């Protein structure tokens, strides 16, 4: 079966209409290809393979491009596939997994993707990690490969690290990296109070974070591979790196050297910071918009926190949000902004923080969450997915919203509470 026929996915894009506040799903076809994920019966690595299968299945579902189904077929990895039987089960694709653990501790996942309708082996690949505990990334890379094989919209974000801070106890927070499902986690900074991690580059080699382990609150840059550290800025009050531009050359920093939080633009080449706001109240949490020529930020200049925009070449500010009287943070991708709004009278919870999606080019507005405390939203690189933290019923989770499909998924953290997150 040709790729253009087998992959009958729902090709979606969200379009902001001038008068319609809803995300519109543009359907290009009526059905999704039905795929089954299976472990070869002769594989010896059943324990880890079962975990990989579970994550991979979830990845394919979250992609929105496949209909994942069960199959009763049992087959060895190198046996011939009974395509007639699988066709009768209604399957279009059959993904077979096997694995091998090496003496040096590396782990290799072997995959075969069969096109049931064409009765052919459509794709065969293997993926290796030097440490078996990183098996979630083998699942993610397989899902990305299958997705790319049919030219579906990218899900490359699944193979990226997330970096997050977790509270351990009072005045103690560690910084960890992991995959987006939190099946893989590794502590990279421990001891003391370390919060607000932010990736410093698109290659995810370095992070900025706020440390309270110095005489003053300090913004630190850390290479997560070499552990090389450098101090960027210090402040008597709060200091946070809230956003980094696309090439990593500029950083938006909230700092309060005179006990008054304002936004600063830091140049990584000259290692100098320019004050961007100078307001007698609170200006914090700035994010780049419009290809880096402007920023959105949170300010209490109306007497309560709200979202504003400002060009780096002018002094004036523009109010962006006319909804609610407590909007505490925002994230941006091109013309789209997701912000956090506190809703004390929410029908589901007396202390609810919801996420709202808006456009700077229209009056569109859509609520993305309905319950719990939803904070620290972050767009994926392509702007089609949203990462956020959800705290609900004493459980801390990483949330993923697939904006094109209007669906969300949660991945719980076992132990601790997530303070902030970035990807």
Protein backbone atom coordinates (compact mmCIF):
# COMPACT_ATOMS: atom_id res chain seq x y z
CA UNK A 1 0.00 0.00 0.00
CA UNK A 2 1.33 3.40 -0.90
CA UNK A 3 2.12 5.84 1.88
CA UNK A 4 -0.37 8.37 0.60
CA UNK A 5 -3.13 5.77 0.95
CA UNK A 6 -2.21 3.84 4.08
CA UNK A 7 -1.74 6.88 6.21
CA UNK A 8 -5.31 8.13 6.48
CA UNK A 9 -4.57 10.36 9.43
CA UNK A 10 -6.50 13.36 10.63
CA UNK A 11 -4.24 16.18 9.49
CA UNK A 12 -4.98 18.94 11.91
CA UNK A 13 -4.03 22.53 12.39
CA UNK A 14 -5.46 25.07 14.73
CA UNK A 15 -6.82 28.14 13.01
CA UNK A 16 -7.74 31.22 14.95
CA UNK A 17 -10.89 32.71 13.44
CA UNK A 18 -11.61 36.36 14.07
CA UNK A 19 -14.96 35.66 15.73
CA UNK A 20 -14.73 31.99 16.71
CA UNK A 21 -12.95 31.24 19.98
CA UNK A 22 -12.56 27.51 19.34
CA UNK A 23 -9.66 25.54 17.95
CA UNK A 24 -10.75 24.16 14.60
CA UNK A 25 -9.77 20.63 13.61
CA UNK A 26 -9.34 20.34 9.87
CA UNK A 27 -10.11 16.75 8.88
CA UNK A 28 -8.46 15.52 5.72
CA UNK A 29 -9.71 11.94 6.04
CA UNK A 30 -12.29 9.94 7.95
CA UNK A 31 -10.19 7.16 9.46
CA UNK A 32 -6.80 6.55 10.99
CA UNK A 33 -4.58 3.58 10.12
CA UNK A 34 -5.12 0.80 12.66
CA UNK A 35 -1.82 -0.37 14.15
CA UNK A 36 -0.97 -3.12 16.64
CA UNK A 37 2.21 -3.16 18.78
CA UNK A 38 3.48 -6.62 19.72
CA UNK A 39 6.44 -8.34 21.36
CA UNK A 40 8.08 -11.20 19.45
CA UNK A 41 7.40 -14.50 21.18
CA UNK A 42 11.07 -15.55 21.07
CA UNK A 43 12.40 -12.43 22.77
CA UNK A 44 14.19 -12.93 26.11
CA UNK A 45 13.87 -9.31 27.25
CA UNK A 46 10.21 -9.42 28.21
CA UNK A 47 10.32 -7.21 31.33
CA UNK A 48 11.83 -4.08 29.72
CA UNK A 49 10.15 -4.81 26.38
CA UNK A 50 6.76 -4.79 28.05
CA UNK A 51 7.51 -1.31 29.43
CA UNK A 52 8.68 -0.16 25.99
CA UNK A 53 5.52 -1.51 24.39
CA UNK A 54 3.36 0.35 26.91
CA UNK A 55 5.15 3.66 26.33
CA UNK A 56 5.26 3.20 22.56
CA UNK A 57 1.55 2.44 22.45
CA UNK A 58 0.87 5.62 24.42
CA UNK A 59 3.15 7.63 22.10
CA UNK A 60 1.22 6.48 19.03
CA UNK A 61 -2.08 7.36 20.69
CA UNK A 62 -0.83 10.79 21.79
CA UNK A 63 0.43 11.50 18.26
CA UNK A 64 -3.19 11.52 17.12
CA UNK A 65 -2.16 9.88 13.85
CA UNK A 66 -2.89 6.21 14.60
CA UNK A 67 -5.70 4.01 15.88
CA UNK A 68 -3.95 1.58 18.21
CA UNK A 69 -5.57 -1.86 18.45
CA UNK A 70 -4.86 -5.23 20.05
CA UNK A 71 -3.94 -8.33 18.07
CA UNK A 72 -4.19 -12.00 18.98
CA UNK A 73 -1.31 -12.90 16.69
CA UNK A 74 1.77 -14.58 18.23
CA UNK A 75 4.92 -14.60 16.10
CA UNK A 76 8.66 -15.01 16.39
CA UNK A 77 10.73 -12.03 15.25
CA UNK A 78 12.00 -13.69 12.05
CA UNK A 79 8.89 -15.69 11.17
CA UNK A 80 6.67 -14.92 8.20
CA UNK A 81 3.64 -12.86 9.09
CA UNK A 82 0.10 -14.18 8.57
CA UNK A 83 -1.17 -11.04 6.81
CA UNK A 84 -4.52 -12.62 5.93
CA UNK A 85 -5.35 -13.27 9.57
CA UNK A 86 -4.24 -9.77 10.59
CA UNK A 87 -6.24 -8.25 7.75
CA UNK A 88 -9.30 -10.08 9.02
CA UNK A 89 -8.63 -8.47 12.41
CA UNK A 90 -8.97 -5.10 10.67
CA UNK A 91 -5.31 -4.11 11.04
CA UNK A 92 -3.42 -1.90 8.60
CA UNK A 93 -0.04 -1.99 10.35
CA UNK A 94 1.71 -4.51 12.59
CA UNK A 95 4.69 -3.37 14.67
CA UNK A 96 6.86 -6.17 16.06
CA UNK A 97 9.43 -5.66 18.83
CA UNK A 98 12.42 -7.60 20.08
CA UNK A 99 15.48 -6.62 22.11
CA UNK A 100 18.97 -7.62 23.21
CA UNK A 101 21.02 -6.65 26.26
CA UNK A 102 24.81 -6.53 25.80
CA UNK A 103 27.43 -7.43 28.38
CA UNK A 104 28.56 -3.78 28.54
CA UNK A 105 25.10 -2.74 29.72
CA UNK A 106 23.82 -1.31 26.44
CA UNK A 107 20.32 -2.21 25.30
CA UNK A 108 19.13 -2.53 21.69
CA UNK A 109 15.53 -2.48 20.51
CA UNK A 110 14.75 -4.18 17.18
CA UNK A 111 11.60 -3.23 15.29
CA UNK A 112 9.74 -4.40 12.20
CA UNK A 113 6.76 -2.57 10.76
CA UNK A 114 4.54 -4.59 8.43
CA UNK A 115 2.07 -3.13 5.95
CA UNK A 116 -0.78 -5.63 6.18
CA UNK A 117 -2.65 -4.41 3.12
CA UNK A 118 0.43 -4.44 0.89
CA UNK A 119 1.67 -7.69 2.55
CA UNK A 120 5.19 -6.26 2.88
CA UNK A 121 7.79 -5.41 5.50
CA UNK A 122 7.50 -1.63 5.35
CA UNK A 123 10.17 -0.52 7.83
CA UNK A 124 12.91 -2.23 9.85
CA UNK A 125 15.12 -0.37 12.34
CA UNK A 126 17.05 -0.82 15.56
CA UNK A 127 17.75 1.63 18.36
CA UNK A 128 20.47 1.38 21.02
CA UNK A 129 21.00 3.09 24.35
CA UNK A 130 24.15 2.71 26.43
CA UNK A 131 22.10 2.55 29.63
CA UNK A 132 19.02 0.37 29.86
CA UNK A 133 17.19 2.79 32.17
CA UNK A 134 16.87 5.13 29.18
CA UNK A 135 14.56 2.65 27.44
CA UNK A 136 11.69 5.20 27.27
CA UNK A 137 13.64 7.07 24.59
CA UNK A 138 13.84 3.88 22.50
CA UNK A 139 10.05 3.81 22.55
CA UNK A 140 9.82 7.50 21.64
CA UNK A 141 12.29 7.14 18.75
CA UNK A 142 10.35 4.19 17.39
CA UNK A 143 7.10 6.15 17.48
CA UNK A 144 8.78 9.10 15.75
CA UNK A 145 10.24 6.82 13.08
CA UNK A 146 6.89 5.17 12.34
CA UNK A 147 5.22 8.57 12.28
CA UNK A 148 7.86 10.03 9.93
CA UNK A 149 7.67 6.99 7.64
CA UNK A 150 4.18 8.11 6.66
CA UNK A 151 5.05 11.80 6.44
CA UNK A 152 2.74 12.66 9.33
CA UNK A 153 3.10 15.96 11.21
CA UNK A 154 6.20 15.78 13.38
CA UNK A 155 6.19 14.41 16.93
CA UNK A 156 9.95 14.95 17.40
CA UNK A 157 9.30 16.65 20.74
CA UNK A 158 8.79 13.18 22.26
CA UNK A 159 12.53 12.52 22.04
CA UNK A 160 13.48 15.68 23.97
CA UNK A 161 14.45 15.93 27.62
CA UNK A 162 12.23 17.82 30.01
CA UNK A 163 14.02 19.59 32.87
CA UNK A 164 12.16 20.22 36.10
CA UNK A 165 12.62 21.16 39.73
CA UNK A 166 11.09 19.05 42.50
CA UNK A 167 10.50 20.06 46.10
CA UNK A 168 11.86 17.50 48.56
CA UNK A 169 11.16 19.36 51.79
CA UNK A 170 11.15 22.92 53.11
CA UNK A 171 13.83 25.02 51.37
CA UNK A 172 15.12 22.00 49.46
CA UNK A 173 14.55 21.38 45.77
CA UNK A 174 16.51 19.30 43.28
CA UNK A 175 16.65 19.66 39.50
CA UNK A 176 16.05 16.62 37.31
CA UNK A 177 15.90 15.71 33.64
CA UNK A 178 13.65 13.06 32.17
CA UNK A 179 11.49 12.04 29.27
CA UNK A 180 8.06 13.63 28.98
CA UNK A 181 6.32 10.59 30.49
CA UNK A 182 8.61 10.67 33.58
CA UNK A 183 9.41 6.99 33.10
CA UNK A 184 13.04 8.11 32.89
CA UNK A 185 14.33 10.55 35.52
CA UNK A 186 17.81 11.60 36.58
CA UNK A 187 18.83 14.15 39.21
CA UNK A 188 21.43 16.58 37.87
CA UNK A 189 21.47 19.12 40.75
CA UNK A 190 20.87 18.16 44.36
CA UNK A 191 21.22 19.84 47.72
CA UNK A 192 19.79 23.17 48.83
CA UNK A 193 17.13 25.16 47.01
CA UNK A 194 17.40 25.03 43.19
CA UNK A 195 14.40 26.13 41.15
CA UNK A 196 13.16 27.51 37.82
CA UNK A 197 15.33 25.48 35.39
CA UNK A 198 15.33 26.69 31.78
CA UNK A 199 17.08 25.18 28.76
CA UNK A 200 19.87 27.50 27.60
CA UNK A 201 20.15 26.08 24.08
CA UNK A 202 18.12 24.04 21.60
CA UNK A 203 20.63 21.17 21.85
CA UNK A 204 19.73 20.78 25.53
CA UNK A 205 23.32 20.77 26.75
CA UNK A 206 23.03 23.59 29.28
CA UNK A 207 20.41 25.05 31.59
CA UNK A 208 19.83 28.25 33.53
CA UNK A 209 18.45 27.88 37.04
CA UNK A 210 17.95 29.90 40.20
CA UNK A 211 20.00 28.89 43.23
CA UNK A 212 19.52 30.03 46.81
CA UNK A 213 22.76 28.36 47.89
CA UNK A 214 24.82 31.56 47.54
CA UNK A 215 24.90 34.73 49.66
CA UNK A 216 22.35 36.26 47.26
CA UNK A 217 19.75 34.62 44.99
CA UNK A 218 21.82 33.65 41.96
CA UNK A 219 21.14 32.82 38.32
CA UNK A 220 23.47 30.00 37.29
CA UNK A 221 24.27 28.42 33.94
CA UNK A 222 25.18 24.72 34.03
CA UNK A 223 26.45 22.36 31.35
CA UNK A 224 24.60 19.16 32.29
CA UNK A 225 27.28 16.96 30.68
CA UNK A 226 30.50 18.57 31.95
CA UNK A 227 28.98 20.09 35.13
CA UNK A 228 30.73 23.37 34.30
CA UNK A 229 29.01 26.27 36.07
CA UNK A 230 29.03 30.03 35.60
CA UNK A 231 27.23 32.77 37.49
CA UNK A 232 25.09 34.96 35.22
CA UNK A 233 23.53 37.45 37.66
CA UNK A 234 22.79 37.93 41.33
CA UNK A 235 19.97 39.87 42.92
CA UNK A 236 18.91 40.88 46.42
CA UNK A 237 15.40 39.69 45.63
CA UNK A 238 14.05 37.22 43.07
CA UNK A 239 15.96 36.26 39.92
CA UNK A 240 14.67 33.92 37.20
CA UNK A 241 15.53 33.19 33.57
CA UNK A 242 12.05 33.14 32.05
CA UNK A 243 12.83 32.72 28.33
CA UNK A 244 15.66 32.17 25.84
CA UNK A 245 15.49 33.25 22.20
CA UNK A 246 15.74 30.80 19.31
CA UNK A 247 19.54 30.91 18.91
CA UNK A 248 20.32 31.19 22.63
CA UNK A 249 21.94 34.61 22.27
CA UNK A 250 19.46 36.49 24.46
CA UNK A 251 17.78 35.69 27.75
CA UNK A 252 14.83 37.39 29.42
CA UNK A 253 15.48 37.61 33.14
CA UNK A 254 13.33 38.75 36.02
CA UNK A 255 15.54 40.37 38.66
CA UNK A 256 15.09 42.72 41.59
CA UNK A 257 18.48 44.20 42.52
CA UNK A 258 16.67 47.04 44.30
CA UNK A 259 13.88 44.89 45.75
CA UNK A 260 11.68 45.77 42.78
CA UNK A 261 11.19 42.99 40.18
CA UNK A 262 11.71 44.13 36.59
CA UNK A 263 12.52 42.48 33.27
CA UNK A 264 16.09 42.50 31.94
CA UNK A 265 17.39 41.47 28.51
CA UNK A 266 20.67 39.59 28.85
CA UNK A 267 23.12 39.30 25.94
CA UNK A 268 25.10 36.05 26.16
CA UNK A 269 27.90 37.36 23.91
CA UNK A 270 28.62 40.59 25.78
CA UNK A 271 27.47 39.12 29.12
CA UNK A 272 25.59 42.32 29.82
CA UNK A 273 22.00 42.95 30.90
CA UNK A 274 19.75 45.82 29.82
CA UNK A 275 16.76 46.79 31.93
CA UNK A 276 13.60 46.56 29.80
CA UNK A 277 10.89 47.57 32.29
CA UNK A 278 11.03 50.21 35.01
CA UNK A 279 7.75 50.15 36.86
CA UNK A 280 7.17 50.83 40.54
CA UNK A 281 5.16 47.59 40.85
CA UNK A 282 5.83 44.05 39.64
CA UNK A 283 7.00 43.08 36.13
CA UNK A 284 7.94 39.40 35.80
CA UNK A 285 7.89 36.21 33.64
CA UNK A 286 8.69 37.72 30.22
CA UNK A 287 8.51 35.64 27.02
CA UNK A 288 9.72 36.48 23.49
CA UNK A 289 7.07 36.96 20.79
CA UNK A 290 7.00 38.17 17.17
CA UNK A 291 10.37 36.60 16.28
CA UNK A 292 12.05 38.15 19.30
CA UNK A 293 11.15 41.77 18.56
CA UNK A 294 8.63 41.97 21.43
CA UNK A 295 7.86 40.28 24.70
CA UNK A 296 4.83 39.38 26.77
CA UNK A 297 5.10 39.63 30.54
CA UNK A 298 3.10 39.70 33.77
CA UNK A 299 2.54 42.99 35.56
CA UNK A 300 0.37 44.28 38.39
CA UNK A 301 0.12 47.78 36.91
CA UNK A 302 -3.70 47.43 36.89
CA UNK A 303 -3.70 46.57 40.57
CA UNK A 304 -3.74 42.83 39.89
CA UNK A 305 -1.54 40.51 37.77
CA UNK A 306 -2.31 40.55 34.06
CA UNK A 307 -0.60 39.88 30.72
CA UNK A 308 0.99 42.72 28.74
CA UNK A 309 3.11 43.07 25.61
CA UNK A 310 6.01 45.41 24.94
CA UNK A 311 8.35 46.06 22.03
CA UNK A 312 12.05 46.21 22.86
CA UNK A 313 12.28 49.38 20.80
CA UNK A 314 9.58 51.39 22.59
CA UNK A 315 8.56 52.34 26.12
CA UNK A 316 4.83 51.75 25.77
CA UNK A 317 3.04 48.60 26.93
CA UNK A 318 -0.10 46.94 25.61
CA UNK A 319 -2.64 45.01 27.66
CA UNK A 320 -3.35 41.63 26.04
CA UNK A 321 -5.79 39.84 28.35
CA UNK A 322 -9.21 41.17 29.32
CA UNK A 323 -10.30 37.98 31.06
CA UNK A 324 -10.05 37.42 34.85
CA UNK A 325 -8.24 39.54 37.43
CA UNK A 326 -5.42 37.11 38.25
CA UNK A 327 -3.30 35.97 35.30
CA UNK A 328 0.03 34.88 36.67
CA UNK A 329 2.19 33.51 33.84
CA UNK A 330 2.28 32.99 30.08
CA UNK A 331 4.08 31.16 27.29
CA UNK A 332 4.19 32.06 23.61
CA UNK A 333 4.71 30.58 20.17
CA UNK A 334 4.61 33.01 17.26
CA UNK A 335 1.24 34.80 17.57
CA UNK A 336 -0.24 32.35 20.09
CA UNK A 337 -0.17 32.76 23.86
CA UNK A 338 -1.21 30.41 26.63
CA UNK A 339 -1.63 32.03 30.03
CA UNK A 340 -2.53 30.93 33.55
CA UNK A 341 -5.66 32.36 35.12
CA UNK A 342 -6.80 31.92 38.71
CA UNK A 343 -10.51 31.27 38.99
CA UNK A 344 -11.61 31.28 42.61
CA UNK A 345 -15.26 30.75 41.69
CA UNK A 346 -14.60 27.83 39.34
CA UNK A 347 -17.41 25.27 39.43
CA UNK A 348 -14.95 22.40 39.96
CA UNK A 349 -12.63 23.77 42.62
CA UNK A 350 -12.40 26.81 44.89
CA UNK A 351 -8.68 27.15 44.09
CA UNK A 352 -8.34 26.49 40.38
CA UNK A 353 -5.69 27.78 37.99
CA UNK A 354 -6.70 27.14 34.39
CA UNK A 355 -4.85 27.52 31.09
CA UNK A 356 -6.25 29.69 28.30
CA UNK A 357 -5.17 29.88 24.67
CA UNK A 358 -5.36 33.19 22.79
CA UNK A 359 -3.95 34.84 19.68
CA UNK A 360 -2.34 38.26 19.41
CA UNK A 361 -3.88 38.56 15.93
CA UNK A 362 -7.53 37.96 16.85
CA UNK A 363 -10.06 37.91 19.68
CA UNK A 364 -10.04 34.11 19.93
CA UNK A 365 -9.93 32.57 23.40
CA UNK A 366 -10.17 28.93 24.52
CA UNK A 367 -9.96 27.34 27.95
CA UNK A 368 -7.64 24.32 27.88
CA UNK A 369 -8.10 22.94 31.42
CA UNK A 370 -11.02 22.74 33.81
CA UNK A 371 -9.82 21.64 37.26
CA UNK A 372 -6.84 21.61 39.58
CA UNK A 373 -3.82 23.91 39.66
CA UNK A 374 -2.37 24.10 36.13
CA UNK A 375 0.85 26.09 35.84
CA UNK A 376 4.08 26.69 33.88
CA UNK A 377 2.73 26.08 30.36
CA UNK A 378 5.40 25.65 27.66
CA UNK A 379 4.82 25.34 23.92
CA UNK A 380 6.61 22.65 21.95
CA UNK A 381 8.98 23.91 19.26
CA UNK A 382 6.33 23.48 16.54
CA UNK A 383 3.61 25.09 18.68
CA UNK A 384 1.26 22.11 18.32
CA UNK A 385 1.69 20.68 21.83
CA UNK A 386 1.75 22.19 25.28
CA UNK A 387 3.64 21.02 28.36
CA UNK A 388 2.42 22.05 31.81
CA UNK A 389 2.36 21.09 35.49
CA UNK A 390 -0.87 19.93 37.09
CA UNK A 391 -1.40 19.64 40.84
CA UNK A 392 -4.68 17.99 41.79
CA UNK A 393 -5.73 15.99 44.85
CA UNK A 394 -2.19 16.18 46.29
CA UNK A 395 -0.75 14.60 43.11
CA UNK A 396 1.84 16.38 40.95
CA UNK A 397 1.84 15.52 37.24
CA UNK A 398 3.31 16.55 33.91
CA UNK A 399 0.56 17.34 31.42
CA UNK A 400 0.63 17.26 27.63
CA UNK A 401 -2.08 18.97 25.59
CA UNK A 402 -2.26 18.13 21.89
CA UNK A 403 -3.74 21.41 20.72
CA UNK A 404 -4.66 20.13 17.26
CA UNK A 405 -6.76 17.33 18.71
CA UNK A 406 -8.11 19.03 21.82
CA UNK A 407 -6.86 16.16 24.00
CA UNK A 408 -4.71 16.09 27.12
CA UNK A 409 -2.66 13.44 28.93
CA UNK A 410 -1.15 13.31 32.42
CA UNK A 411 1.98 11.58 33.72
CA UNK A 412 2.28 11.41 37.50
CA UNK A 413 5.44 12.09 39.49
CA UNK A 414 6.08 9.47 42.17
CA UNK A 415 7.28 11.35 45.25
CA UNK A 416 7.88 15.07 45.57
CA UNK A 417 6.11 17.99 43.94
CA UNK A 418 7.09 19.60 40.67
CA UNK A 419 8.02 23.25 41.13
CA UNK A 420 8.62 24.29 37.50
CA UNK A 421 9.38 22.67 34.15
CA UNK A 422 10.79 23.31 30.69
CA UNK A 423 11.38 21.33 27.49
